[in-house]
């Protein structure tokens, strides 16, 4: 995998390591574009904490901010970085599937 795509995958994994950020992504996936205030009303997290986590998700490319009505910023999911991370994991799985299958076959023979 090219270094730039590996870097994107790493940023996605770092962002997804935090359960609060995963909850934010799940909420955005369920409810669509939302403001930090909307998210704070639905999740047990302060608006300030949500803003901090949204910034981290934006750094990883997983959300984008767009202007909304009355100067409110709405946050929208971006799936492209997630697809890069999925391809990275699929490549790792391919690298391991063959050797692990060979090991299983060897262990069954002995």
C-alpha atoms as a PDB file:
ATOM      1  CA  UNK A   1       0.000   0.000   0.000  1.00  0.00           C
ATOM      2  CA  UNK A   2       1.372   3.461  -0.876  1.00  0.00           C
ATOM      3  CA  UNK A   3       2.721   5.480   2.045  1.00  0.00           C
ATOM      4  CA  UNK A   4       0.078   8.202   1.727  1.00  0.00           C
ATOM      5  CA  UNK A   5      -2.732   5.645   1.942  1.00  0.00           C
ATOM      6  CA  UNK A   6      -1.042   3.931   4.877  1.00  0.00           C
ATOM      7  CA  UNK A   7      -0.901   7.324   6.621  1.00  0.00           C
ATOM      8  CA  UNK A   8      -4.642   7.831   6.014  1.00  0.00           C
ATOM      9  CA  UNK A   9      -5.374   4.358   7.419  1.00  0.00           C
ATOM     10  CA  UNK A  10      -3.259   5.113  10.489  1.00  0.00           C
ATOM     11  CA  UNK A  11      -5.160   8.363  11.129  1.00  0.00           C
ATOM     12  CA  UNK A  12      -8.469   6.504  10.828  1.00  0.00           C
ATOM     13  CA  UNK A  13      -7.358   3.831  13.297  1.00  0.00           C
ATOM     14  CA  UNK A  14      -6.156   6.454  15.784  1.00  0.00           C
ATOM     15  CA  UNK A  15      -9.458   8.324  15.491  1.00  0.00           C
ATOM     16  CA  UNK A  16     -11.509   5.128  15.896  1.00  0.00           C
ATOM     17  CA  UNK A  17      -9.539   4.056  18.968  1.00  0.00           C
ATOM     18  CA  UNK A  18     -11.567   6.462  21.103  1.00  0.00           C
ATOM     19  CA  UNK A  19     -15.072   5.277  22.078  1.00  0.00           C
ATOM     20  CA  UNK A  20     -16.417   8.839  22.168  1.00  0.00           C
ATOM     21  CA  UNK A  21     -15.356   9.438  18.583  1.00  0.00           C
ATOM     22  CA  UNK A  22     -16.916   6.123  17.542  1.00  0.00           C
ATOM     23  CA  UNK A  23     -20.157   7.227  19.234  1.00  0.00           C
ATOM     24  CA  UNK A  24     -20.059  10.529  17.341  1.00  0.00           C
ATOM     25  CA  UNK A  25     -19.558   8.727  14.022  1.00  0.00           C
ATOM     26  CA  UNK A  26     -22.401   6.326  14.813  1.00  0.00           C
ATOM     27  CA  UNK A  27     -24.693   9.240  15.675  1.00  0.00           C
ATOM     28  CA  UNK A  28     -23.808  11.086  12.473  1.00  0.00           C
ATOM     29  CA  UNK A  29     -24.402   7.898  10.498  1.00  0.00           C
ATOM     30  CA  UNK A  30     -27.836   7.533  12.096  1.00  0.00           C
ATOM     31  CA  UNK A  31     -29.017  11.154  12.124  1.00  0.00           C
ATOM     32  CA  UNK A  32     -27.081  12.704   9.256  1.00  0.00           C
ATOM     33  CA  UNK A  33     -25.297  16.062   9.301  1.00  0.00           C
ATOM     34  CA  UNK A  34     -25.494  17.660  12.743  1.00  0.00           C
ATOM     35  CA  UNK A  35     -24.159  20.576  14.730  1.00  0.00           C
ATOM     36  CA  UNK A  36     -22.131  20.111  17.893  1.00  0.00           C
ATOM     37  CA  UNK A  37     -25.187  21.345  19.804  1.00  0.00           C
ATOM     38  CA  UNK A  38     -27.381  18.691  18.139  1.00  0.00           C
ATOM     39  CA  UNK A  39     -24.858  16.007  19.017  1.00  0.00           C
ATOM     40  CA  UNK A  40     -24.593  17.214  22.629  1.00  0.00           C
ATOM     41  CA  UNK A  41     -28.378  16.957  22.953  1.00  0.00           C
ATOM     42  CA  UNK A  42     -28.283  13.306  21.871  1.00  0.00           C
ATOM     43  CA  UNK A  43     -25.093  12.135  23.586  1.00  0.00           C
ATOM     44  CA  UNK A  44     -23.927  12.336  27.208  1.00  0.00           C
ATOM     45  CA  UNK A  45     -20.997  14.592  26.272  1.00  0.00           C
ATOM     46  CA  UNK A  46     -20.551  18.351  26.586  1.00  0.00           C
ATOM     47  CA  UNK A  47     -20.633  20.467  23.466  1.00  0.00           C
ATOM     48  CA  UNK A  48     -17.037  21.537  24.108  1.00  0.00           C
ATOM     49  CA  UNK A  49     -15.862  17.919  24.289  1.00  0.00           C
ATOM     50  CA  UNK A  50     -17.816  17.099  21.146  1.00  0.00           C
ATOM     51  CA  UNK A  51     -16.146  19.974  19.319  1.00  0.00           C
ATOM     52  CA  UNK A  52     -12.724  18.697  20.363  1.00  0.00           C
ATOM     53  CA  UNK A  53     -13.536  15.181  19.149  1.00  0.00           C
ATOM     54  CA  UNK A  54     -15.035  16.486  15.900  1.00  0.00           C
ATOM     55  CA  UNK A  55     -11.785  18.350  15.251  1.00  0.00           C
ATOM     56  CA  UNK A  56      -9.883  15.088  15.676  1.00  0.00           C
ATOM     57  CA  UNK A  57     -12.280  13.275  13.341  1.00  0.00           C
ATOM     58  CA  UNK A  58     -11.889  16.090  10.805  1.00  0.00           C
ATOM     59  CA  UNK A  59      -8.090  15.774  11.044  1.00  0.00           C
ATOM     60  CA  UNK A  60      -8.499  12.107  10.087  1.00  0.00           C
ATOM     61  CA  UNK A  61     -10.796  13.116   7.228  1.00  0.00           C
ATOM     62  CA  UNK A  62     -13.774  11.242   8.674  1.00  0.00           C
ATOM     63  CA  UNK A  63     -16.002  14.296   9.020  1.00  0.00           C
ATOM     64  CA  UNK A  64     -16.238  17.572   7.197  1.00  0.00           C
ATOM     65  CA  UNK A  65     -17.655  20.857   8.433  1.00  0.00           C
ATOM     66  CA  UNK A  66     -20.094  22.770   6.269  1.00  0.00           C
ATOM     67  CA  UNK A  67     -21.928  26.020   6.872  1.00  0.00           C
ATOM     68  CA  UNK A  68     -25.517  25.658   7.933  1.00  0.00           C
ATOM     69  CA  UNK A  69     -28.323  28.051   8.621  1.00  0.00           C
ATOM     70  CA  UNK A  70     -27.687  31.029  10.924  1.00  0.00           C
ATOM     71  CA  UNK A  71     -23.903  30.486  10.808  1.00  0.00           C
ATOM     72  CA  UNK A  72     -24.190  27.077  12.505  1.00  0.00           C
ATOM     73  CA  UNK A  73     -21.594  24.547  11.421  1.00  0.00           C
ATOM     74  CA  UNK A  74     -22.948  21.114  10.489  1.00  0.00           C
ATOM     75  CA  UNK A  75     -20.701  18.085  10.497  1.00  0.00           C
ATOM     76  CA  UNK A  76     -21.057  15.412   7.831  1.00  0.00           C
ATOM     77  CA  UNK A  77     -19.503  11.955   7.560  1.00  0.00           C
ATOM     78  CA  UNK A  78     -16.900  11.224   4.894  1.00  0.00           C
ATOM     79  CA  UNK A  79     -16.480   7.574   3.960  1.00  0.00           C
ATOM     80  CA  UNK A  80     -13.392   7.807   1.727  1.00  0.00           C
ATOM     81  CA  UNK A  81     -10.826   7.518   4.576  1.00  0.00           C
ATOM     82  CA  UNK A  82     -12.748   4.561   6.001  1.00  0.00           C
ATOM     83  CA  UNK A  83     -12.534   2.784   2.631  1.00  0.00           C
ATOM     84  CA  UNK A  84      -8.756   3.338   2.600  1.00  0.00           C
ATOM     85  CA  UNK A  85      -8.539   1.764   6.073  1.00  0.00           C
ATOM     86  CA  UNK A  86     -10.700  -1.156   4.912  1.00  0.00           C
ATOM     87  CA  UNK A  87      -8.364  -1.787   1.960  1.00  0.00           C
ATOM     88  CA  UNK A  88      -5.389  -1.669   4.320  1.00  0.00           C
ATOM     89  CA  UNK A  89      -6.981  -4.298   6.578  1.00  0.00           C
ATOM     90  CA  UNK A  90      -7.935  -6.436   3.572  1.00  0.00           C
ATOM     91  CA  UNK A  91      -4.319  -6.378   2.373  1.00  0.00           C
ATOM     92  CA  UNK A  92      -3.123  -7.456   5.810  1.00  0.00           C
ATOM     93  CA  UNK A  93      -5.673 -10.257   5.869  1.00  0.00           C
ATOM     94  CA  UNK A  94      -4.491 -11.520   2.474  1.00  0.00           C
ATOM     95  CA  UNK A  95      -0.912 -11.562   3.743  1.00  0.00           C
ATOM     96  CA  UNK A  96      -1.928 -13.652   6.745  1.00  0.00           C
ATOM     97  CA  UNK A  97      -4.605 -15.950   5.304  1.00  0.00           C
ATOM     98  CA  UNK A  98      -2.218 -18.124   3.278  1.00  0.00           C
ATOM     99  CA  UNK A  99       0.391 -18.721   5.991  1.00  0.00           C
ATOM    100  CA  UNK A 100      -2.279 -19.328   8.634  1.00  0.00           C
ATOM    101  CA  UNK A 101      -4.079 -21.832   6.401  1.00  0.00           C
ATOM    102  CA  UNK A 102      -0.767 -23.600   5.737  1.00  0.00           C
ATOM    103  CA  UNK A 103      -0.069 -23.743   9.477  1.00  0.00           C
ATOM    104  CA  UNK A 104      -3.544 -25.159  10.154  1.00  0.00           C
ATOM    105  CA  UNK A 105      -3.024 -27.807   7.456  1.00  0.00           C
ATOM    106  CA  UNK A 106       0.378 -28.712   8.915  1.00  0.00           C
ATOM    107  CA  UNK A 107      -1.025 -29.003  12.434  1.00  0.00           C
ATOM    108  CA  UNK A 108      -3.867 -31.220  11.223  1.00  0.00           C
ATOM    109  CA  UNK A 109      -1.360 -33.549   9.501  1.00  0.00           C
ATOM    110  CA  UNK A 110       0.749 -33.998  12.618  1.00  0.00           C
END
